Amino acid sequence: MILKEILNRRSVREYKSDEVPEEFLNEIIKAAEFAPSGRGTHANEFLIVKEQKTKDEICKICGQEFLRLAPVMLILLCDSNKTDLVVQDLSVATENAFLQATVLGLGTVWKNLNSEWEEKIKKLLNIPQNYKAINIIPIGFPKSAPEPHSDANFSQSKIHIEKW
């Protein structure tokens, strides 16, 4: 049941130094690539960053130490020449990547990119201008297992039927 993975998916910012197996990365990217896309364009592409020097440069741009410490950074990119639904397509692909990483025992977190950081990262990584990024996904084995969500976190009062 997918609800188990949804309950277990928590933001992770502390990672073991263990390498993430290539087959795990391929599974995560496959899950992201198979995400729904607006008008069926499937305009997303994927950039993997493992080199420490590059991770350090990205960390300088974004100012978050946990990025440097993750064994892998995954940057989802969307070709804005193919779709005007960039944020939607990247968001749903990110969630698929998060859930697949959870299944594999890996931790992730959404590191938001503002437009200034996005431009600097695109320059650093030679990403074409027509590709857009909204986040970076650090990936690694969590140092500790975060508590899963529970039914106590679920609020029936947030459900409105027919009218507010």
Foldseek 3Di string as FASTA:
>chain_A
DLVVLVQQADAFLAFDLDADDPVLVVQLQVLLQPFDDVVRQSQKDKDKDQDLVLQVVLCVLQVDPSSSRFRIKMWIKGQQVRDPCGVVSNVRSVVSSSSSLSVVQKHKHWAFDDPSSQVVSCVVVVPDPRIGTGTMIRIHHHPDRDRGHDCVPDDPVVDDPPHD
